[in-house]
Protein backbone atom coordinates (compact mmCIF):
# COMPACT_ATOMS: atom_id res chain seq x y z
CA MET A 1 -52.16 55.25 123.52
CA THR A 2 -50.16 57.53 121.23
CA GLY A 3 -47.78 59.30 123.59
CA LEU A 4 -47.47 62.30 121.27
CA SER A 5 -46.87 64.63 124.24
CA LEU A 6 -43.77 62.68 125.29
CA PRO A 7 -40.37 61.99 123.72
CA GLN A 8 -40.41 58.67 121.89
CA ARG A 9 -37.87 55.93 122.49
CA THR A 10 -37.89 52.25 121.60
CA LEU A 11 -36.34 49.92 124.16
CA PRO A 12 -34.19 47.38 122.28
CA LEU A 13 -35.48 44.50 124.40
CA SER A 14 -34.17 41.76 122.12
CA ASP A 15 -30.79 43.33 121.32
CA PRO A 16 -28.12 41.05 122.89
CA ALA A 17 -25.79 44.00 123.48
CA PHE A 18 -28.49 45.91 125.36
CA VAL A 19 -29.48 42.86 127.42
CA ALA A 20 -25.82 42.25 128.35
CA ASP A 21 -25.28 45.88 129.45
CA PRO A 22 -28.37 48.12 129.41
CA TYR A 23 -26.96 50.73 131.76
CA PRO A 24 -25.20 53.19 129.39
CA LEU A 25 -28.35 53.62 127.27
CA LEU A 26 -30.59 53.81 130.34
CA ALA A 27 -28.31 56.48 131.85
CA GLN A 28 -28.46 58.53 128.66
CA TRP A 29 -32.25 58.36 128.45
CA ARG A 30 -32.68 58.99 132.20
CA GLU A 31 -30.76 62.27 131.88
CA GLU A 32 -32.67 63.28 128.76
CA THR A 33 -36.17 62.65 130.08
CA ALA A 34 -38.05 61.45 133.17
CA ALA A 35 -40.53 59.62 130.95
CA PHE A 36 -40.87 58.58 127.32
CA PHE A 37 -43.34 56.75 125.13
CA ASP A 38 -42.32 53.41 123.63
CA PRO A 39 -44.45 52.77 120.52
CA GLY A 40 -43.42 49.12 120.37
CA LEU A 41 -44.58 48.46 123.93
CA ASP A 42 -47.39 51.04 123.61
CA ARG A 43 -46.42 52.28 127.07
CA VAL A 44 -45.32 55.36 128.92
CA VAL A 45 -41.98 54.40 130.48
CA LEU A 46 -40.56 56.03 133.64
CA THR A 47 -36.79 56.30 134.11
CA ARG A 48 -36.09 58.06 137.44
CA HIS A 49 -36.10 56.75 141.01
CA ALA A 50 -38.34 59.43 142.54
CA ASP A 51 -41.03 59.08 139.89
CA ILE A 52 -40.99 55.27 139.97
CA SER A 53 -41.16 55.30 143.78
CA ALA A 54 -44.08 57.73 143.74
CA LEU A 55 -46.02 55.73 141.18
CA LEU A 56 -45.50 52.46 143.09
CA ARG A 57 -47.16 54.10 146.11
CA ASP A 58 -49.88 55.83 144.07
CA LYS A 59 -53.27 54.21 144.72
CA ARG A 60 -54.43 55.29 141.27
CA PHE A 61 -52.25 52.52 139.86
CA GLY A 62 -52.39 48.79 140.48
CA ARG A 63 -51.46 45.37 139.18
CA SER A 64 -55.00 44.63 137.98
CA VAL A 65 -57.95 46.73 136.83
CA LEU A 66 -60.64 44.13 136.13
CA HIS A 67 -62.03 44.50 139.65
CA ARG A 68 -63.23 47.95 138.55
CA TYR A 69 -64.01 47.66 134.83
CA SER A 70 -65.12 45.04 132.36
CA ARG A 71 -63.05 44.22 129.31
CA ASP A 72 -65.69 45.89 127.13
CA GLU A 73 -65.47 49.11 129.17
CA LEU A 74 -61.70 49.12 128.77
CA GLY A 75 -61.80 48.25 125.07
CA TRP A 76 -59.79 45.08 125.74
CA PRO A 77 -60.15 42.00 123.54
CA PRO A 78 -61.76 38.89 125.06
CA PRO A 79 -59.49 36.49 126.98
CA ASP A 80 -57.17 34.42 124.79
CA PRO A 81 -58.51 30.82 124.85
CA ARG A 82 -54.94 29.55 124.39
CA GLN A 83 -53.95 30.72 127.89
CA VAL A 84 -57.13 30.43 129.93
CA ASN A 85 -55.50 28.48 132.77
CA PHE A 86 -52.49 30.80 132.93
CA ASP A 87 -54.84 33.80 133.06
CA ALA A 88 -56.91 32.20 135.82
CA PHE A 89 -53.73 31.65 137.84
CA ASN A 90 -52.44 35.15 137.14
CA ASP A 91 -55.73 36.79 138.14
CA ASN A 92 -56.00 34.92 141.41
CA HIS A 93 -52.74 35.35 143.36
CA VAL A 94 -51.68 38.18 145.63
CA LEU A 95 -49.20 39.80 143.22
CA ASP A 96 -51.84 40.74 140.64
CA SER A 97 -54.79 41.41 142.93
CA GLU A 98 -55.98 44.72 144.37
CA PRO A 99 -57.79 45.68 147.60
CA PRO A 100 -59.94 44.44 149.15
CA LYS A 101 -58.91 41.00 147.80
CA HIS A 102 -55.20 41.85 148.00
CA THR A 103 -55.55 43.01 151.61
CA ARG A 104 -57.24 39.74 152.60
CA LEU A 105 -54.75 37.52 150.73
CA ARG A 106 -51.64 39.32 151.95
CA GLY A 107 -52.90 39.36 155.53
CA LEU A 108 -53.49 35.60 155.48
CA LEU A 109 -50.13 34.90 153.80
CA GLN A 110 -48.25 36.97 156.36
CA LEU A 111 -49.74 34.84 159.15
CA ALA A 112 -48.22 31.72 157.56
CA PHE A 113 -45.09 33.17 155.89
CA THR A 114 -43.62 34.52 159.12
CA PRO A 115 -40.11 35.88 159.80
CA ARG A 116 -39.64 33.04 162.28
CA ARG A 117 -40.48 30.45 159.61
CA VAL A 118 -38.06 32.10 157.17
CA GLU A 119 -35.17 32.45 159.65
CA GLY A 120 -35.81 28.88 160.78
CA LEU A 121 -34.72 27.73 157.34
CA THR A 122 -31.13 28.91 157.95
CA PRO A 123 -29.64 25.60 159.18
CA ARG A 124 -31.30 23.63 156.38
CA ILE A 125 -30.14 26.13 153.72
CA GLN A 126 -26.59 25.82 155.05
CA VAL A 127 -26.74 22.02 154.77
CA ILE A 128 -28.09 22.23 151.21
CA LEU A 129 -25.30 24.66 150.27
CA ALA A 130 -22.59 22.50 151.82
CA ASP A 131 -23.83 19.44 149.91
CA ARG A 132 -23.94 21.41 146.66
CA LEU A 133 -20.47 22.87 147.10
CA ARG A 134 -18.96 19.45 147.81
CA ALA A 135 -20.39 18.17 144.51
CA LEU A 136 -18.73 20.88 142.39
CA GLY A 137 -15.56 20.33 140.39
CA ASP A 138 -12.64 22.66 139.77
CA THR A 139 -14.63 24.24 136.91
CA PHE A 140 -18.42 24.51 136.90
CA ASP A 141 -21.36 26.51 135.58
CA LEU A 142 -22.34 28.77 138.43
CA VAL A 143 -25.90 29.23 137.08
CA ALA A 144 -26.90 25.59 136.53
CA GLU A 145 -24.79 23.97 139.22
CA TYR A 146 -25.02 26.49 142.07
CA ALA A 147 -27.48 29.36 141.62
CA GLU A 148 -30.39 27.31 140.23
CA PRO A 149 -30.61 24.30 142.58
CA LEU A 150 -30.86 26.18 145.89
CA PRO A 151 -34.04 28.30 145.42
CA VAL A 152 -35.92 25.32 143.98
CA THR A 153 -34.86 23.11 146.89
CA VAL A 154 -35.67 25.76 149.50
CA ILE A 155 -39.11 26.56 148.06
CA ALA A 156 -39.81 22.84 147.73
CA GLU A 157 -38.87 22.22 151.36
CA LEU A 158 -40.74 25.30 152.55
CA LEU A 159 -43.90 24.15 150.78
CA GLY A 160 -43.42 20.48 151.60
CA VAL A 161 -43.10 19.28 148.00
CA PRO A 162 -42.17 15.56 147.78
CA HIS A 163 -38.71 14.70 146.44
CA GLU A 164 -40.08 12.63 143.56
CA TRP A 165 -41.45 15.62 141.63
CA ARG A 166 -39.04 18.40 142.63
CA GLU A 167 -37.05 18.05 139.41
CA GLN A 168 -40.11 19.31 137.53
CA LEU A 169 -40.27 22.60 139.44
CA ARG A 170 -37.60 24.39 137.41
CA PRO A 171 -39.14 23.57 133.99
CA TRP A 172 -42.58 24.58 135.26
CA SER A 173 -41.23 27.89 136.55
CA ALA A 174 -39.32 28.62 133.33
CA ALA A 175 -42.42 27.94 131.22
CA ILE A 176 -44.69 30.15 133.34
CA VAL A 177 -42.39 33.18 133.65
CA LYS A 178 -41.82 33.22 129.88
CA MET A 179 -45.36 34.63 129.66
CA TYR A 180 -44.18 37.90 131.20
CA GLU A 181 -41.88 38.66 128.27
CA PRO A 182 -43.40 40.96 125.60
CA ASP A 183 -42.46 38.62 122.70
CA LYS A 184 -44.14 35.41 123.90
CA THR A 185 -45.09 32.91 121.18
CA PRO A 186 -48.01 30.45 120.77
CA GLN A 187 -45.61 27.72 121.89
CA ASP A 188 -44.82 29.73 125.03
CA GLN A 189 -48.56 29.96 125.73
CA ALA A 190 -48.96 26.20 125.29
CA ASN A 191 -46.00 25.47 127.56
CA ALA A 192 -47.30 27.80 130.28
CA GLU A 193 -50.78 26.29 130.10
CA ARG A 194 -49.38 22.80 130.56
CA ALA A 195 -47.10 23.93 133.40
CA VAL A 196 -49.96 25.59 135.31
CA LEU A 197 -52.19 22.53 134.87
CA ASP A 198 -49.50 20.03 135.87
CA PHE A 199 -48.28 22.01 138.87
CA SER A 200 -51.86 22.67 140.05
CA ALA A 201 -52.71 18.97 139.84
CA HIS A 202 -49.67 18.02 141.90
CA LEU A 203 -50.38 20.72 144.48
CA GLN A 204 -54.02 19.62 144.75
CA GLU A 205 -52.83 16.09 145.49
CA LEU A 206 -50.38 17.42 148.10
CA LEU A 207 -53.04 19.63 149.69
CA ASN A 208 -55.39 16.65 150.01
CA GLU A 209 -52.62 14.68 151.69
CA ARG A 210 -51.82 17.52 154.13
CA ARG A 211 -55.46 17.79 155.13
CA ARG A 212 -55.37 14.11 156.04
CA THR A 213 -51.94 14.31 157.65
CA PRO A 214 -50.75 17.84 158.58
CA ALA A 215 -47.01 18.54 158.49
CA ASN A 216 -44.64 21.34 159.47
CA ASP A 217 -44.67 23.00 156.05
CA LEU A 218 -46.16 26.03 154.34
CA ILE A 219 -48.87 24.06 152.51
CA THR A 220 -50.23 22.91 155.86
CA ALA A 221 -49.89 26.39 157.37
CA LEU A 222 -51.67 28.04 154.43
CA SER A 223 -54.50 25.50 154.59
CA GLN A 224 -55.02 26.18 158.29
CA VAL A 225 -54.47 29.94 158.57
CA GLU A 226 -57.52 32.02 159.40
CA SER A 227 -58.16 35.66 160.27
CA GLU A 228 -61.52 37.13 161.26
CA GLY A 229 -63.27 34.13 159.76
CA GLU A 230 -61.38 34.41 156.43
CA ARG A 231 -59.41 31.53 154.91
CA LEU A 232 -57.70 30.93 151.58
CA THR A 233 -59.81 29.10 149.02
CA GLU A 234 -58.28 25.99 147.44
CA LYS A 235 -57.66 27.89 144.21
CA GLU A 236 -56.04 30.82 146.06
CA LEU A 237 -53.80 28.45 148.02
CA ILE A 238 -52.66 26.54 144.94
CA ASP A 239 -52.04 29.69 142.89
CA THR A 240 -50.12 31.21 145.81
CA CYS A 241 -47.80 28.19 145.88
CA ILE A 242 -47.20 28.49 142.12
CA LEU A 243 -46.41 32.19 142.58
CA LEU A 244 -43.95 31.41 145.39
CA LEU A 245 -42.06 29.07 143.09
CA ASN A 246 -41.93 31.51 140.17
CA ALA A 247 -41.24 34.75 142.04
CA GLY A 248 -38.85 33.20 144.53
CA HIS A 249 -36.93 31.18 142.00
CA GLU A 250 -36.32 33.44 139.02
CA ALA A 251 -35.27 36.51 141.01
CA SER A 252 -32.95 34.50 143.28
CA VAL A 253 -31.21 32.66 140.44
CA ASN A 254 -30.75 35.78 138.33
CA GLY A 255 -29.83 37.96 141.30
CA LEU A 256 -27.11 35.60 142.59
CA SER A 257 -25.53 34.84 139.20
CA ALA A 258 -25.51 38.51 138.12
CA GLY A 259 -24.10 39.49 141.51
CA ILE A 260 -21.26 36.96 141.24
CA LEU A 261 -20.47 38.22 137.74
CA ALA A 262 -20.26 41.80 139.06
CA LEU A 263 -17.95 40.68 141.88
CA MET A 264 -15.71 38.67 139.56
CA ARG A 265 -15.25 41.80 137.45
CA ARG A 266 -14.34 43.83 140.57
CA ARG A 267 -11.78 41.66 142.34
CA ASP A 268 -11.32 44.02 145.26
CA ARG A 269 -15.01 43.70 146.12
CA TRP A 270 -14.86 39.90 145.93
CA ASN A 271 -11.78 39.87 148.19
CA GLU A 272 -13.64 42.10 150.65
CA LEU A 273 -16.40 39.49 150.88
CA VAL A 274 -13.88 36.68 151.27
CA GLU A 275 -12.49 38.48 154.32
CA TRP A 276 -15.99 38.93 155.76
CA ALA A 277 -16.71 35.23 155.27
CA GLN A 278 -14.00 34.35 157.79
CA GLU A 279 -15.62 36.50 160.48
CA PRO A 280 -18.15 34.98 162.90
CA GLY A 281 -21.55 36.65 162.74
CA SER A 282 -20.97 38.18 159.32
CA LEU A 283 -24.39 37.28 157.86
CA PRO A 284 -25.87 40.80 158.40
CA LYS A 285 -22.99 42.26 156.38
CA PHE A 286 -23.68 39.77 153.59
CA LYS A 287 -27.34 40.84 153.58
CA LEU A 288 -26.15 44.43 153.08
CA ALA A 289 -24.00 43.24 150.17
CA VAL A 290 -26.97 41.39 148.67
CA ASP A 291 -29.06 44.57 148.67
CA GLU A 292 -26.26 46.41 146.88
CA LEU A 293 -25.85 43.63 144.30
CA LEU A 294 -29.61 43.66 143.64
CA ARG A 295 -29.44 47.42 143.15
CA PHE A 296 -26.32 47.37 141.03
CA ASP A 297 -27.58 44.78 138.52
CA THR A 298 -31.35 44.44 138.83
CA PRO A 299 -32.60 40.89 138.09
CA LEU A 300 -36.11 42.11 137.12
CA PRO A 301 -35.27 45.34 135.27
CA MET A 302 -38.79 46.44 134.28
CA PHE A 303 -42.16 46.14 135.97
CA GLU A 304 -45.58 47.52 135.07
CA ARG A 305 -48.53 49.15 136.76
CA ILE A 306 -52.02 49.68 135.33
CA ALA A 307 -53.93 52.96 135.60
CA LEU A 308 -57.09 52.42 137.66
CA GLU A 309 -58.60 55.72 136.56
CA PRO A 310 -58.02 58.36 133.86
CA MET A 311 -55.25 60.84 134.68
CA THR A 312 -52.50 63.04 133.29
CA LEU A 313 -48.97 61.67 133.61
CA PHE A 314 -46.05 63.88 132.53
CA GLY A 315 -48.47 65.89 130.41
CA HIS A 316 -49.82 62.76 128.72
CA GLU A 317 -53.44 61.63 129.07
CA VAL A 318 -53.54 58.08 130.42
CA LYS A 319 -56.78 56.13 130.27
CA ALA A 320 -58.00 53.59 132.80
CA GLY A 321 -56.58 50.19 131.89
CA GLU A 322 -53.47 51.54 130.17
CA ARG A 323 -50.11 50.23 131.37
CA VAL A 324 -47.11 52.22 132.52
CA ALA A 325 -43.64 50.63 132.47
CA LEU A 326 -41.21 51.27 135.32
CA LEU A 327 -37.52 50.88 134.58
CA TYR A 328 -36.29 49.58 137.94
CA ALA A 329 -32.82 49.06 136.44
CA SER A 330 -32.66 52.75 135.55
CA GLY A 331 -34.08 53.97 138.87
CA ASN A 332 -31.57 51.83 140.76
CA ARG A 333 -28.71 53.70 139.05
CA ASP A 334 -30.23 57.19 139.37
CA PRO A 335 -27.56 59.64 140.66
CA ARG A 336 -30.37 61.82 142.07
CA ARG A 337 -30.94 59.09 144.67
CA PHE A 338 -27.66 57.16 144.91
CA GLU A 339 -24.19 58.63 145.35
CA GLN A 340 -21.91 57.31 142.59
CA PRO A 341 -24.55 54.80 141.47
CA ASP A 342 -22.28 53.01 138.98
CA GLU A 343 -19.95 51.97 141.81
CA LEU A 344 -20.51 48.71 143.68
CA ARG A 345 -20.43 49.66 147.39
CA LEU A 346 -21.05 46.55 149.46
CA THR A 347 -21.91 48.43 152.66
CA ARG A 348 -24.08 51.10 151.02
CA GLU A 349 -26.52 52.53 153.55
CA PRO A 350 -29.20 53.62 153.16
CA ASN A 351 -29.98 51.61 150.05
CA PRO A 352 -33.56 52.33 148.93
CA HIS A 353 -33.36 50.18 145.80
CA LEU A 354 -36.51 49.35 143.85
CA THR A 355 -35.80 45.66 143.26
CA PHE A 356 -38.43 44.34 145.69
CA GLY A 357 -40.97 47.01 144.75
CA LEU A 358 -42.73 49.46 147.10
CA GLY A 359 -46.17 50.10 148.47
CA ILE A 360 -48.79 47.43 149.03
CA HIS A 361 -47.15 45.14 146.46
CA TYR A 362 -43.73 45.12 148.16
CA CYS A 363 -42.33 41.62 147.73
CA LEU A 364 -43.60 39.31 150.47
CA GLY A 365 -40.66 36.97 149.85
CA ALA A 366 -37.94 39.64 150.22
CA PRO A 367 -36.70 38.33 153.62
CA LEU A 368 -36.35 34.80 152.20
CA ALA A 369 -34.57 36.09 149.09
CA ARG A 370 -32.10 38.10 151.19
CA LEU A 371 -31.45 35.11 153.44
CA GLU A 372 -30.91 32.68 150.55
CA LEU A 373 -28.65 35.03 148.63
CA ALA A 374 -26.61 36.07 151.68
CA LEU A 375 -26.03 32.47 152.78
CA SER A 376 -25.20 31.42 149.20
CA LEU A 377 -22.66 34.22 148.83
CA GLN A 378 -21.13 33.60 152.24
CA ALA A 379 -20.71 29.86 151.62
CA LEU A 380 -19.21 30.41 148.17
CA CYS A 381 -16.67 32.91 149.53
CA ARG A 382 -15.63 30.57 152.33
CA THR A 383 -15.30 27.52 150.09
CA PHE A 384 -13.82 29.01 146.92
CA PRO A 385 -11.96 32.23 147.79
CA ASN A 386 -10.03 32.09 144.51
CA LEU A 387 -13.13 31.80 142.32
CA ARG A 388 -12.70 33.42 138.90
CA LEU A 389 -14.43 33.67 135.53
CA VAL A 390 -13.54 31.21 132.80
CA ASN A 391 -15.17 33.30 130.08
CA GLU A 392 -15.18 37.10 130.25
CA THR A 393 -18.17 37.28 127.87
CA PRO A 394 -21.08 35.57 129.65
CA GLU A 395 -24.21 34.28 127.91
CA TYR A 396 -27.63 35.76 128.68
CA THR A 397 -30.98 34.04 128.27
CA GLY A 398 -32.09 36.62 125.71
CA GLY A 399 -34.85 38.52 127.55
CA PHE A 400 -34.69 41.92 129.26
CA VAL A 401 -37.89 41.88 131.35
CA ILE A 402 -36.74 38.76 133.20
CA ARG A 403 -33.02 39.18 132.63
CA GLY A 404 -30.65 36.40 133.55
CA LEU A 405 -27.47 34.61 132.63
CA ALA A 406 -27.82 31.41 130.64
CA ARG A 407 -24.37 30.18 131.73
CA LEU A 408 -21.50 31.47 133.88
CA PRO A 409 -18.48 29.14 133.76
CA VAL A 410 -16.15 29.67 136.72
CA SER A 411 -12.98 28.08 138.06
CA THR A 412 -12.05 27.55 141.69
CA ARG A 413 -8.31 27.89 141.04
């Protein structure tokens, strides 16, 4: 792909200043052009909400293309032997599959991952949060001591993961999601391979146990769910559980910590939430606030789709198998779609943000993410109404594609 028909821009993905605040540059580029070509990524990149939304719903694009073409037909190199297990996992779960496989997988998952099951987690999430808040001191790292533990614990309890190996879930997740950054190293590949193998082995052991002794957990439900004679294979079930950990954990941790940072920098908005937290039945309002925080500072700023057939996109010829990058973070601040998009409006409605995606790949875990984040925010506001930043210059992990805070020291006084 050469992109000669498009303006050329190079996203400074490893520039700490850009990672800390990408929005001024994204705003400038969004006004200059709806799409550009990034020679470093070798991608067409879309910047505006309407175009990103349309492409996400366009059946000519997908998350995978190997159900239609061979690697030879696409001109792709053979699979990298250093990441064969990661690739097998990545090719087998619902996020990176296409119809008819995607339709079958998503239909089966929806039968097990029901709204009732998600909402039923509310009392347990509240207990977990109360225990966590009691353990915090006057000063603590909001990322490591509050944002990180909850999603891991909730996913572990949802799946039915035994307590004795829950502490390994976070390192496994961190190793696997590193593979979605454009600058992954051979060591990253090795770490992801080991994480996929170790997690799969543990899940296989758990699945065998649940077949002998069913329990009220998602592993049991996924092993039993059936529709029109279709069931999940063992490999599909295990890879789905790995995906639930990765997708549910990273977005929740980064979304909550970035949201708290935004609120700490806008004290009037934080005080507004503190007032809500004293009201009975305020959870729906906190869910509205969560959607606005996820729009305002997008935890997964850039996603990709793959062309399933040759086409022309913004005057540029795109071949089957070529990738197009979608700047969710830019689309979520597009003034063509959002009134005063650089303002944090906690009750913004409607709020058609892109953070959970659109179309057939809309995030299956969005209701759980909203519930976790809303309950986390509500409990924090009730317990520590005077919460404030200790350091006005927070530390980021270093990546833009999966963008998150490394640390966020806060004080309760």
